[in-house]
Amino acid sequence: MRALLLGLVGGLLLVLGGVGGAGVLVSDPVLSDSPFAFWRYGHGRELAIWVVYIGLALITWAWVLLGRAVLARKVGGRGVLTTSAAWLAPIVFAPPLFTRDPFSYLAQGALQIAGFDPYAVGPAVLLGPISDNVHAFWQNTPANYGPLFVLLAKAIMVLTGSNLIAGVIVMRLAMMVGLVLLVWATPGLVRHLGGKVALALWIVVANPLMVIHLVGGPHNDLLVIGLLAAGCLLMLDGRHVAGIVVVSLGIAIKVSIVVALPFLVLVWAARLTGTRPLRITKAAAAAGGLFVATFAAATLAAGVGLGWLPALNAPIQIVNWLSLPTGIGELVYGLTSWVAEPQKPPFIVVARVIGVLVLLVIAWRQWWAARDGGPDAVRRAGLVLVAVAVLSPTTLPWYVTWGMALLAMGPWSPRALSLVVFASVWLVVVAFPDGESALYQPVYLAVCAAGALLAAISLRRPDPLGLRGPPAQLRA
């Protein structure tokens, strides 16, 4: 109950502060010309941002408390879901938290309604409040999502029209279908992968990455990981055709999870007859056919072409060191700059190419190790998805949820859980509440890292600072 109330208060504060300090509208029809307009400007906005961080701190503390109760076996899966629902309820009505991406999503739907090809032009061609609220970085960037998401964005814009507040809320509710699918799939995936339901739900549903980024964002990755988890469960339960179709729908939203498909082929192949090469060939042919048919149907329904293929290069424009290869390239460039005056782009390009090559090696090795199929293939798919998030040319904080949606379903050691806490909390705050990047603010990041480390230690040591005597150790 303490964790539920603490997180509920945190969620309410995120909404209250977010109205002034998060990804708010450029021209707010609610607060403008009202006695509360000060909340969006000057000292009022600074206060609103502090309220957001206090809400985030309460959510984080509540998550740690809930994790302790789960590890001590005092709270089960139903308790985790009830608590998480209380945290998430107010956030449904929040403005975009730590991002402005929903406005880009809505703009992509509006482009098609206006007769433009969202894979050919960016939101800047739209004159009015929709394009005004898209982040400057994406103004001239075509959509880089699959046809199913473009169709969904169009449907939401038809439903909500020019009301961007309603558009964000409906978009969030649509993305939360992925959360429902993830919750539905968790018990079955845990049964196959050997984990614990309550712990898996604590990792993927109650996680601040879920609460703040995926729901609070909201980001379409939430719908993607829900479809991925549901599809993997269907595959492991022997419903191969349905499983491939469901995962293909996820790929038709965001192509990044396509790397899971070869692993699901191995799950299917393990249940066929014949030699291993023959079984894999038959499963690959069937899965490939289903994928092409599903993707083609989504493309026809959306009324778009294959312009999303060249548009996939759009995220590469993002240069930040959260991508390990990009970070290494920036570091080598910085060191070289002490003794020469080189150009930065070649260092980034070379490092990214090496990163992609390393990723291909990891993917191949994991796929070959999973050649016998079964739950191990799904687990290794999760590992590769995490590798994709870290080694891709561009990484954003919520990308790690692709793989964690599968890895959470397996067994975890207490030490590994502490690492999950640290990474999750820190990844939430590498952006500011309004969505601007904080990755090049070293003092801010160091303070946040200290807070994340304290949260990580607190999971297993209720009194990490030694203020109440010897710490009590919890079991996994």
Protein backbone atom coordinates (compact mmCIF):
# COMPACT_ATOMS: atom_id res chain seq x y z
CA MET A 1 0.00 0.00 0.00
CA ARG A 2 2.86 2.38 0.77
CA ALA A 3 4.38 1.87 -2.68
CA LEU A 4 0.98 2.32 -4.33
CA LEU A 5 0.26 5.62 -2.60
CA LEU A 6 3.80 6.92 -3.06
CA GLY A 7 3.73 6.16 -6.78
CA LEU A 8 0.22 7.59 -7.14
CA VAL A 9 1.36 10.88 -5.63
CA GLY A 10 4.38 10.76 -7.94
CA GLY A 11 2.15 10.25 -10.95
CA LEU A 12 -0.08 13.16 -9.96
CA LEU A 13 2.96 15.40 -9.54
CA LEU A 14 4.24 14.35 -12.98
CA VAL A 15 0.95 15.48 -14.47
CA LEU A 16 0.88 18.72 -12.48
CA GLY A 17 4.48 19.62 -13.27
CA GLY A 18 4.25 18.29 -16.81
CA VAL A 19 1.53 20.77 -17.69
CA GLY A 20 4.12 23.50 -17.30
CA GLY A 21 7.51 21.84 -17.81
CA ALA A 22 7.12 18.82 -20.09
CA GLY A 23 6.46 18.60 -23.83
CA VAL A 24 3.67 21.15 -23.76
CA LEU A 25 1.96 22.81 -26.70
CA VAL A 26 3.56 25.93 -28.13
CA SER A 27 0.21 27.66 -27.74
CA ASP A 28 -1.75 26.12 -24.89
CA PRO A 29 -5.53 26.54 -25.24
CA VAL A 30 -6.07 25.45 -21.62
CA LEU A 31 -3.63 27.56 -19.61
CA SER A 32 -3.22 30.55 -21.93
CA ASP A 33 -5.17 33.61 -20.81
CA SER A 34 -5.95 31.90 -17.49
CA PRO A 35 -4.74 32.64 -13.94
CA PHE A 36 -2.45 29.60 -14.25
CA ALA A 37 -0.60 30.75 -17.37
CA PHE A 38 2.44 31.58 -15.20
CA TRP A 39 3.05 27.82 -14.82
CA ARG A 40 4.46 27.70 -18.34
CA TYR A 41 6.82 30.67 -18.17
CA GLY A 42 9.75 31.99 -16.19
CA HIS A 43 9.92 31.05 -12.54
CA GLY A 44 6.59 29.26 -12.81
CA ARG A 45 8.01 26.91 -15.41
CA GLU A 46 11.14 26.33 -13.32
CA LEU A 47 8.91 25.37 -10.40
CA ALA A 48 6.90 23.06 -12.68
CA ILE A 49 10.10 21.29 -13.75
CA TRP A 50 11.05 20.75 -10.11
CA VAL A 51 7.60 19.26 -9.50
CA VAL A 52 8.25 16.83 -12.40
CA TYR A 53 11.52 15.69 -10.85
CA ILE A 54 9.93 15.27 -7.43
CA GLY A 55 7.23 13.14 -9.05
CA LEU A 56 9.90 11.09 -10.81
CA ALA A 57 11.78 10.61 -7.53
CA LEU A 58 8.60 9.38 -5.82
CA ILE A 59 7.85 6.98 -8.67
CA THR A 60 11.41 5.65 -8.47
CA TRP A 61 11.26 5.22 -4.71
CA ALA A 62 7.90 3.49 -4.99
CA TRP A 63 9.36 1.12 -7.61
CA VAL A 64 12.22 0.21 -5.30
CA LEU A 65 9.82 -0.40 -2.40
CA LEU A 66 7.66 -2.57 -4.63
CA GLY A 67 10.74 -4.47 -5.79
CA ARG A 68 11.73 -5.20 -2.22
CA ALA A 69 8.25 -6.57 -1.52
CA VAL A 70 8.41 -8.74 -4.63
CA LEU A 71 11.85 -10.12 -3.71
CA ALA A 72 10.63 -10.82 -0.18
CA ARG A 73 7.62 -12.64 -1.71
CA LYS A 74 5.18 -10.31 0.03
CA VAL A 75 3.62 -9.12 -3.25
CA GLY A 76 2.54 -11.28 -6.17
CA GLY A 77 1.74 -10.55 -9.78
CA ARG A 78 -1.72 -9.16 -9.05
CA GLY A 79 -0.29 -6.77 -6.48
CA VAL A 80 2.31 -5.50 -8.95
CA LEU A 81 -0.40 -4.90 -11.57
CA THR A 82 -2.71 -3.12 -9.13
CA THR A 83 0.10 -0.88 -7.93
CA SER A 84 1.31 -0.12 -11.45
CA ALA A 85 -2.23 0.72 -12.58
CA ALA A 86 -2.52 3.28 -9.79
CA TRP A 87 0.74 4.92 -10.89
CA LEU A 88 -0.24 4.97 -14.55
CA ALA A 89 -3.83 6.20 -14.18
CA PRO A 90 -3.04 9.93 -13.82
CA ILE A 91 -0.26 9.80 -16.41
CA VAL A 92 -2.79 8.90 -19.10
CA PHE A 93 -3.83 12.57 -19.05
CA ALA A 94 -0.33 14.08 -18.87
CA PRO A 95 1.30 16.02 -21.70
CA PRO A 96 4.22 14.18 -23.36
CA LEU A 97 6.85 13.53 -20.69
CA PHE A 98 10.57 13.84 -21.51
CA THR A 99 9.82 13.94 -25.27
CA ARG A 100 7.87 15.68 -28.04
CA ASP A 101 7.60 12.61 -30.27
CA PRO A 102 3.78 12.27 -30.09
CA PHE A 103 3.43 15.50 -32.04
CA SER A 104 5.59 13.98 -34.79
CA TYR A 105 3.38 10.89 -34.75
CA LEU A 106 0.24 12.98 -35.14
CA ALA A 107 1.85 15.04 -37.88
CA GLN A 108 2.60 11.89 -39.87
CA GLY A 109 -1.08 11.00 -39.78
CA ALA A 110 -2.05 14.56 -40.69
CA LEU A 111 0.29 14.52 -43.69
CA GLN A 112 -1.57 11.68 -45.30
CA ILE A 113 -4.95 13.27 -44.58
CA ALA A 114 -3.70 16.43 -46.27
CA GLY A 115 -2.71 14.44 -49.36
CA PHE A 116 1.05 14.27 -48.73
CA ASP A 117 3.19 11.14 -48.69
CA PRO A 118 4.55 10.91 -45.10
CA TYR A 119 7.51 8.94 -46.49
CA ALA A 120 8.46 11.76 -48.85
CA VAL A 121 8.01 14.98 -46.85
CA GLY A 122 8.28 16.12 -43.27
CA PRO A 123 5.76 17.89 -41.02
CA ALA A 124 7.08 21.31 -42.04
CA VAL A 125 4.81 21.27 -45.12
CA LEU A 126 1.82 21.42 -42.75
CA LEU A 127 1.09 25.00 -41.78
CA GLY A 128 -0.52 25.41 -38.39
CA PRO A 129 -0.43 24.09 -34.84
CA ILE A 130 0.46 20.51 -35.76
CA SER A 131 3.77 21.31 -37.41
CA ASP A 132 4.42 24.12 -34.91
CA ASN A 133 4.57 21.56 -32.11
CA VAL A 134 6.89 19.09 -33.83
CA HIS A 135 10.48 19.27 -32.60
CA ALA A 136 12.71 21.27 -34.94
CA PHE A 137 14.92 18.23 -35.51
CA TRP A 138 12.06 16.32 -37.19
CA GLN A 139 10.41 19.18 -39.10
CA ASN A 140 11.81 18.13 -42.48
CA THR A 141 12.24 14.42 -41.79
CA PRO A 142 9.88 11.93 -43.47
CA ALA A 143 8.25 9.21 -41.35
CA ASN A 144 10.57 6.33 -40.55
CA TYR A 145 7.89 4.02 -39.16
CA GLY A 146 6.06 1.18 -40.85
CA PRO A 147 2.76 1.45 -42.71
CA LEU A 148 0.67 0.11 -39.85
CA PHE A 149 1.74 2.96 -37.60
CA VAL A 150 1.09 5.54 -40.31
CA LEU A 151 -2.41 4.07 -40.65
CA LEU A 152 -2.92 4.27 -36.88
CA ALA A 153 -1.69 7.88 -36.73
CA LYS A 154 -4.05 8.79 -39.56
CA ALA A 155 -6.99 7.17 -37.77
CA ILE A 156 -6.22 9.08 -34.57
CA MET A 157 -6.04 12.38 -36.45
CA VAL A 158 -9.37 11.64 -38.14
CA LEU A 159 -10.85 10.98 -34.70
CA THR A 160 -9.37 13.96 -32.83
CA GLY A 161 -8.93 16.52 -35.60
CA SER A 162 -7.02 19.64 -34.64
CA ASN A 163 -7.34 18.99 -30.90
CA LEU A 164 -3.74 18.06 -30.14
CA ILE A 165 -4.39 17.47 -26.43
CA ALA A 166 -7.01 14.88 -27.31
CA GLY A 167 -4.66 13.54 -29.99
CA VAL A 168 -1.89 12.89 -27.46
CA ILE A 169 -4.27 11.19 -25.02
CA VAL A 170 -5.82 8.97 -27.70
CA MET A 171 -2.36 8.14 -29.05
CA ARG A 172 -1.31 7.16 -25.53
CA LEU A 173 -4.38 4.93 -25.11
CA ALA A 174 -3.66 3.29 -28.47
CA MET A 175 -0.07 2.60 -27.46
CA MET A 176 -1.26 1.14 -24.15
CA VAL A 177 -2.84 -1.72 -26.10
CA GLY A 178 0.77 -2.90 -26.20
CA LEU A 179 0.88 -2.77 -22.41
CA VAL A 180 -2.24 -4.95 -22.23
CA LEU A 181 -0.67 -7.46 -24.63
CA LEU A 182 2.55 -7.47 -22.61
CA VAL A 183 0.68 -8.16 -19.38
CA TRP A 184 -1.34 -10.88 -21.10
CA ALA A 185 1.79 -12.58 -22.44
CA THR A 186 3.84 -12.39 -19.25
CA PRO A 187 2.53 -15.48 -17.36
CA GLY A 188 2.92 -17.69 -20.43
CA LEU A 189 6.40 -16.41 -21.29
CA VAL A 190 7.47 -16.84 -17.67
CA ARG A 191 6.23 -20.43 -17.80
CA HIS A 192 8.40 -21.10 -20.84
CA LEU A 193 11.47 -19.06 -19.84
CA GLY A 194 11.66 -20.03 -16.18
CA GLY A 195 11.17 -16.71 -14.41
CA LYS A 196 8.64 -15.42 -11.87
CA VAL A 197 5.49 -13.57 -12.83
CA ALA A 198 5.65 -10.89 -10.14
CA LEU A 199 9.31 -10.16 -10.82
CA ALA A 200 8.79 -10.01 -14.59
CA LEU A 201 5.89 -7.58 -14.18
CA TRP A 202 7.96 -5.47 -11.80
CA ILE A 203 10.76 -5.27 -14.38
CA VAL A 204 8.68 -4.43 -17.45
CA VAL A 205 5.40 -2.90 -16.24
CA ALA A 206 6.23 -1.01 -13.04
CA ASN A 207 9.62 0.12 -14.39
CA PRO A 208 10.10 3.92 -14.60
CA LEU A 209 11.09 3.41 -18.25
CA MET A 210 7.58 2.09 -18.82
CA VAL A 211 5.82 4.67 -16.66
CA ILE A 212 7.74 7.74 -17.86
CA HIS A 213 8.94 6.99 -21.38
CA LEU A 214 6.66 4.38 -22.91
CA VAL A 215 3.36 5.48 -21.34
CA GLY A 216 4.24 9.04 -20.34
CA GLY A 217 5.93 9.65 -23.68
CA PRO A 218 4.06 7.97 -25.22
CA HIS A 219 6.32 6.09 -27.64
CA ASN A 220 5.18 3.59 -30.24
CA ASP A 221 7.75 1.13 -28.87
CA LEU A 222 5.13 0.22 -26.27
CA LEU A 223 2.80 -1.18 -28.91
CA VAL A 224 5.76 -2.88 -30.60
CA ILE A 225 6.98 -4.75 -27.52
CA GLY A 226 3.43 -5.82 -26.69
CA LEU A 227 3.03 -7.38 -30.13
CA LEU A 228 6.51 -8.91 -29.87
CA ALA A 229 5.81 -10.53 -26.49
CA ALA A 230 2.39 -11.80 -27.60
CA GLY A 231 3.82 -13.20 -30.82
CA CYS A 232 6.64 -14.98 -29.01
CA LEU A 233 4.19 -16.58 -26.59
CA LEU A 234 2.02 -17.80 -29.48
CA MET A 235 5.11 -19.31 -31.11
CA LEU A 236 6.17 -21.12 -27.94
CA ASP A 237 2.62 -22.40 -27.47
CA GLY A 238 2.73 -23.95 -30.94
CA ARG A 239 0.49 -21.40 -32.67
CA HIS A 240 3.13 -20.59 -35.25
CA VAL A 241 1.07 -18.90 -37.95
CA ALA A 242 -0.60 -16.54 -35.47
CA GLY A 243 2.74 -15.86 -33.79
CA ILE A 244 4.49 -14.84 -37.00
CA VAL A 245 1.56 -12.66 -38.05
CA VAL A 246 1.47 -10.84 -34.69
CA VAL A 247 5.23 -10.19 -34.69
CA SER A 248 4.97 -9.06 -38.32
CA LEU A 249 2.37 -6.50 -37.25
CA GLY A 250 4.93 -5.20 -34.75
CA ILE A 251 7.52 -4.95 -37.51
CA ALA A 252 4.96 -3.06 -39.62
CA ILE A 253 5.01 -0.45 -36.86
CA LYS A 254 8.75 -0.32 -36.20
CA VAL A 255 11.15 -2.40 -38.25
CA SER A 256 13.78 -2.65 -35.47
CA ILE A 257 12.33 -5.88 -34.05
CA VAL A 258 12.71 -7.72 -37.35
CA VAL A 259 15.85 -9.31 -35.87
CA ALA A 260 13.57 -11.47 -33.70
CA LEU A 261 12.04 -13.15 -36.73
CA PRO A 262 14.96 -15.53 -37.53
CA PHE A 263 14.87 -16.78 -33.93
CA LEU A 264 11.15 -17.48 -34.17
CA VAL A 265 11.86 -19.46 -37.34
CA LEU A 266 14.02 -21.73 -35.18
CA VAL A 267 11.15 -22.19 -32.71
CA TRP A 268 8.92 -23.30 -35.58
CA ALA A 269 11.60 -25.46 -37.19
CA ALA A 270 12.13 -27.44 -33.98
CA ARG A 271 8.60 -28.82 -34.31
CA LEU A 272 8.91 -29.92 -37.94
CA THR A 273 10.27 -33.19 -39.31
CA GLY A 274 13.39 -33.85 -41.35
CA THR A 275 17.01 -32.81 -41.07
CA ARG A 276 17.83 -29.53 -39.36
CA PRO A 277 18.63 -27.66 -42.62
CA LEU A 278 15.38 -28.91 -44.16
CA ARG A 279 13.33 -27.96 -41.10
CA ILE A 280 14.84 -24.49 -40.96
CA THR A 281 14.28 -24.00 -44.68
CA LYS A 282 10.62 -25.00 -44.45
CA ALA A 283 10.01 -22.82 -41.39
CA ALA A 284 11.83 -19.87 -42.96
CA ALA A 285 9.79 -20.14 -46.16
CA ALA A 286 6.51 -20.28 -44.25
CA ALA A 287 7.47 -17.44 -41.90
CA GLY A 288 8.77 -15.34 -44.78
CA GLY A 289 5.56 -15.79 -46.71
CA LEU A 290 3.44 -14.84 -43.73
CA PHE A 291 5.60 -11.79 -43.04
CA VAL A 292 5.39 -10.56 -46.64
CA ALA A 293 1.63 -11.10 -46.75
CA THR A 294 1.08 -9.31 -43.44
CA PHE A 295 3.31 -6.39 -44.34
CA ALA A 296 1.73 -6.08 -47.78
CA ALA A 297 -1.74 -6.03 -46.24
CA ALA A 298 -0.70 -3.27 -43.83
CA THR A 299 0.86 -1.30 -46.69
CA LEU A 300 -2.29 -1.56 -48.82
CA ALA A 301 -4.52 -0.65 -45.88
CA ALA A 302 -2.39 2.42 -45.14
CA GLY A 303 -2.39 3.48 -48.79
CA VAL A 304 1.36 4.05 -48.86
CA GLY A 305 4.27 2.62 -50.79
CA LEU A 306 7.72 1.43 -49.77
CA GLY A 307 9.03 4.90 -49.04
CA TRP A 308 9.66 3.83 -45.44
CA LEU A 309 12.77 1.94 -46.63
CA PRO A 310 14.90 5.02 -47.46
CA ALA A 311 13.28 6.84 -44.53
CA LEU A 312 14.88 4.31 -42.15
CA ASN A 313 18.06 6.37 -42.42
CA ALA A 314 16.40 9.29 -40.62
CA PRO A 315 17.36 8.30 -37.05
CA ILE A 316 21.01 8.09 -38.08
CA GLN A 317 20.96 11.89 -38.06
CA ILE A 318 20.80 11.64 -34.25
CA VAL A 319 24.34 11.71 -32.90
CA ASN A 320 24.71 10.94 -29.22
CA TRP A 321 27.00 8.79 -27.16
CA LEU A 322 24.15 6.62 -25.83
CA SER A 323 24.90 4.58 -28.94
CA LEU A 324 28.09 2.76 -27.94
CA PRO A 325 29.77 3.01 -31.39
CA THR A 326 28.83 6.69 -31.69
CA GLY A 327 30.18 7.32 -28.20
CA ILE A 328 33.46 5.60 -29.02
CA GLY A 329 33.74 7.61 -32.24
CA GLU A 330 33.18 10.84 -30.32
CA LEU A 331 35.73 9.82 -27.70
CA VAL A 332 38.42 8.98 -30.28
CA TYR A 333 37.67 12.23 -32.08
CA GLY A 334 37.99 14.16 -28.83
CA LEU A 335 41.34 12.56 -28.00
CA THR A 336 42.63 13.12 -31.51
CA SER A 337 41.59 16.76 -31.36
CA TRP A 338 44.24 17.35 -28.71
CA VAL A 339 47.02 16.78 -31.21
CA ALA A 340 45.36 17.57 -34.58
CA GLU A 341 42.36 19.27 -36.14
CA PRO A 342 40.38 16.41 -37.70
CA GLN A 343 36.80 16.42 -38.97
CA LYS A 344 34.32 14.71 -36.64
CA PRO A 345 32.04 12.83 -39.12
CA PRO A 346 34.63 10.26 -40.30
CA PHE A 347 35.23 9.12 -36.72
CA ILE A 348 31.49 8.64 -36.19
CA VAL A 349 30.98 6.82 -39.50
CA VAL A 350 33.88 4.41 -38.99
CA ALA A 351 32.85 3.62 -35.42
CA ARG A 352 29.27 3.02 -36.50
CA VAL A 353 30.33 0.67 -39.31
CA ILE A 354 32.42 -1.31 -36.83
CA GLY A 355 29.46 -1.36 -34.44
CA VAL A 356 27.17 -2.79 -37.13
CA LEU A 357 29.76 -5.47 -37.95
CA VAL A 358 30.06 -6.42 -34.28
CA LEU A 359 26.26 -6.53 -34.06
CA LEU A 360 26.08 -8.89 -37.04
CA VAL A 361 28.62 -11.20 -35.43
CA ILE A 362 26.68 -11.21 -32.14
CA ALA A 363 23.39 -11.85 -33.93
CA TRP A 364 24.84 -14.72 -35.95
CA ARG A 365 26.47 -16.35 -32.95
CA GLN A 366 23.29 -16.10 -30.89
CA TRP A 367 21.17 -17.42 -33.76
CA TRP A 368 23.47 -20.41 -34.27
CA ALA A 369 23.52 -21.12 -30.54
CA ALA A 370 19.71 -21.13 -30.61
CA ARG A 371 19.48 -23.54 -33.56
CA ASP A 372 17.65 -26.17 -31.49
CA GLY A 373 14.75 -23.75 -31.05
CA GLY A 374 12.50 -23.72 -27.99
CA PRO A 375 12.45 -21.06 -25.26
CA ASP A 376 16.20 -20.56 -25.58
CA ALA A 377 15.66 -19.08 -29.03
CA VAL A 378 13.30 -16.46 -27.59
CA ARG A 379 15.73 -15.65 -24.78
CA ARG A 380 18.56 -15.18 -27.28
CA ALA A 381 16.30 -13.02 -29.42
CA GLY A 382 15.97 -10.76 -26.37
CA LEU A 383 19.74 -10.59 -26.01
CA VAL A 384 20.15 -9.61 -29.66
CA LEU A 385 17.46 -6.95 -29.36
CA VAL A 386 19.36 -5.40 -26.45
CA ALA A 387 22.52 -5.54 -28.57
CA VAL A 388 20.66 -3.82 -31.41
CA ALA A 389 19.61 -1.04 -29.04
CA VAL A 390 23.15 -0.49 -27.76
CA LEU A 391 25.19 -1.03 -30.93
CA SER A 392 22.96 0.64 -33.52
CA PRO A 393 24.17 3.95 -34.97
CA THR A 394 21.45 5.67 -32.96
CA THR A 395 20.19 4.76 -29.49
CA LEU A 396 17.40 6.35 -27.50
CA PRO A 397 16.71 5.43 -23.85
CA TRP A 398 13.55 3.39 -24.39
CA TYR A 399 15.14 1.19 -27.09
CA VAL A 400 16.42 -1.20 -24.41
CA THR A 401 12.82 -2.18 -23.67
CA TRP A 402 12.73 -4.19 -26.92
CA GLY A 403 14.90 -6.91 -25.49
CA MET A 404 13.91 -6.49 -21.86
CA ALA A 405 10.32 -7.36 -22.76
CA LEU A 406 11.62 -10.90 -23.37
CA LEU A 407 14.57 -11.13 -20.98
CA ALA A 408 12.42 -10.08 -18.01
CA MET A 409 10.57 -13.38 -18.29
CA GLY A 410 13.60 -15.46 -17.30
CA PRO A 411 15.43 -15.95 -13.99
CA TRP A 412 17.30 -13.00 -12.44
CA SER A 413 19.93 -12.73 -9.76
CA PRO A 414 19.69 -9.94 -7.13
CA ARG A 415 22.85 -8.32 -8.46
CA ALA A 416 21.48 -8.28 -12.00
CA LEU A 417 18.28 -6.70 -10.71
CA SER A 418 20.30 -3.92 -9.11
CA LEU A 419 21.87 -3.25 -12.50
CA VAL A 420 18.38 -3.11 -14.02
CA VAL A 421 17.39 -0.50 -11.43
CA PHE A 422 20.45 1.63 -12.07
CA ALA A 423 20.11 1.51 -15.86
CA SER A 424 16.36 2.08 -15.83
CA VAL A 425 16.44 5.09 -13.53
CA TRP A 426 19.39 6.69 -15.26
CA LEU A 427 17.96 6.18 -18.75
CA VAL A 428 14.81 8.04 -17.77
CA VAL A 429 16.73 11.22 -16.98
CA VAL A 430 19.14 11.41 -19.94
CA ALA A 431 16.54 13.76 -21.40
CA PHE A 432 15.02 16.81 -19.78
CA PRO A 433 11.25 16.91 -19.07
CA ASP A 434 10.63 18.95 -22.24
CA GLY A 435 12.34 16.29 -24.37
CA GLU A 436 15.65 18.03 -25.00
CA SER A 437 18.74 15.84 -24.64
CA ALA A 438 20.74 15.99 -21.41
CA LEU A 439 23.53 13.71 -22.63
CA TYR A 440 26.07 16.51 -22.80
CA GLN A 441 25.41 17.95 -19.34
CA PRO A 442 28.07 16.15 -17.24
CA VAL A 443 27.20 17.64 -13.85
CA TYR A 444 23.52 16.88 -14.28
CA LEU A 445 24.27 13.33 -15.46
CA ALA A 446 26.64 12.72 -12.54
CA VAL A 447 24.00 13.81 -10.03
CA CYS A 448 21.41 11.61 -11.73
CA ALA A 449 23.84 8.68 -11.81
CA ALA A 450 24.38 9.07 -8.05
CA GLY A 451 20.62 8.96 -7.51
CA ALA A 452 20.27 5.92 -9.77
CA LEU A 453 23.09 4.18 -7.89
CA LEU A 454 21.40 4.89 -4.57
CA ALA A 455 18.16 3.40 -5.92
CA ALA A 456 20.03 0.32 -7.17
CA ILE A 457 21.72 -0.29 -3.83
CA SER A 458 18.46 0.36 -1.99
CA LEU A 459 16.76 -2.53 -3.75
CA ARG A 460 18.78 -5.05 -1.74
CA ARG A 461 19.76 -2.85 1.18
CA PRO A 462 16.77 -1.00 2.68
CA ASP A 463 19.11 1.32 4.55
CA PRO A 464 22.00 1.86 2.08
CA LEU A 465 23.41 4.82 3.99
CA GLY A 466 23.53 2.89 7.25
CA LEU A 467 21.20 5.22 9.09
CA ARG A 468 19.18 2.48 10.81
CA GLY A 469 21.75 -0.15 11.63
CA PRO A 470 22.85 -3.29 9.72
CA PRO A 471 21.11 -3.73 6.33
CA ALA A 472 18.71 -6.59 5.72
CA GLN A 473 19.53 -8.73 2.70
CA LEU A 474 16.68 -9.75 0.42
CA ARG A 475 16.53 -12.91 -1.63
CA ALA A 476 15.73 -13.28 -5.31
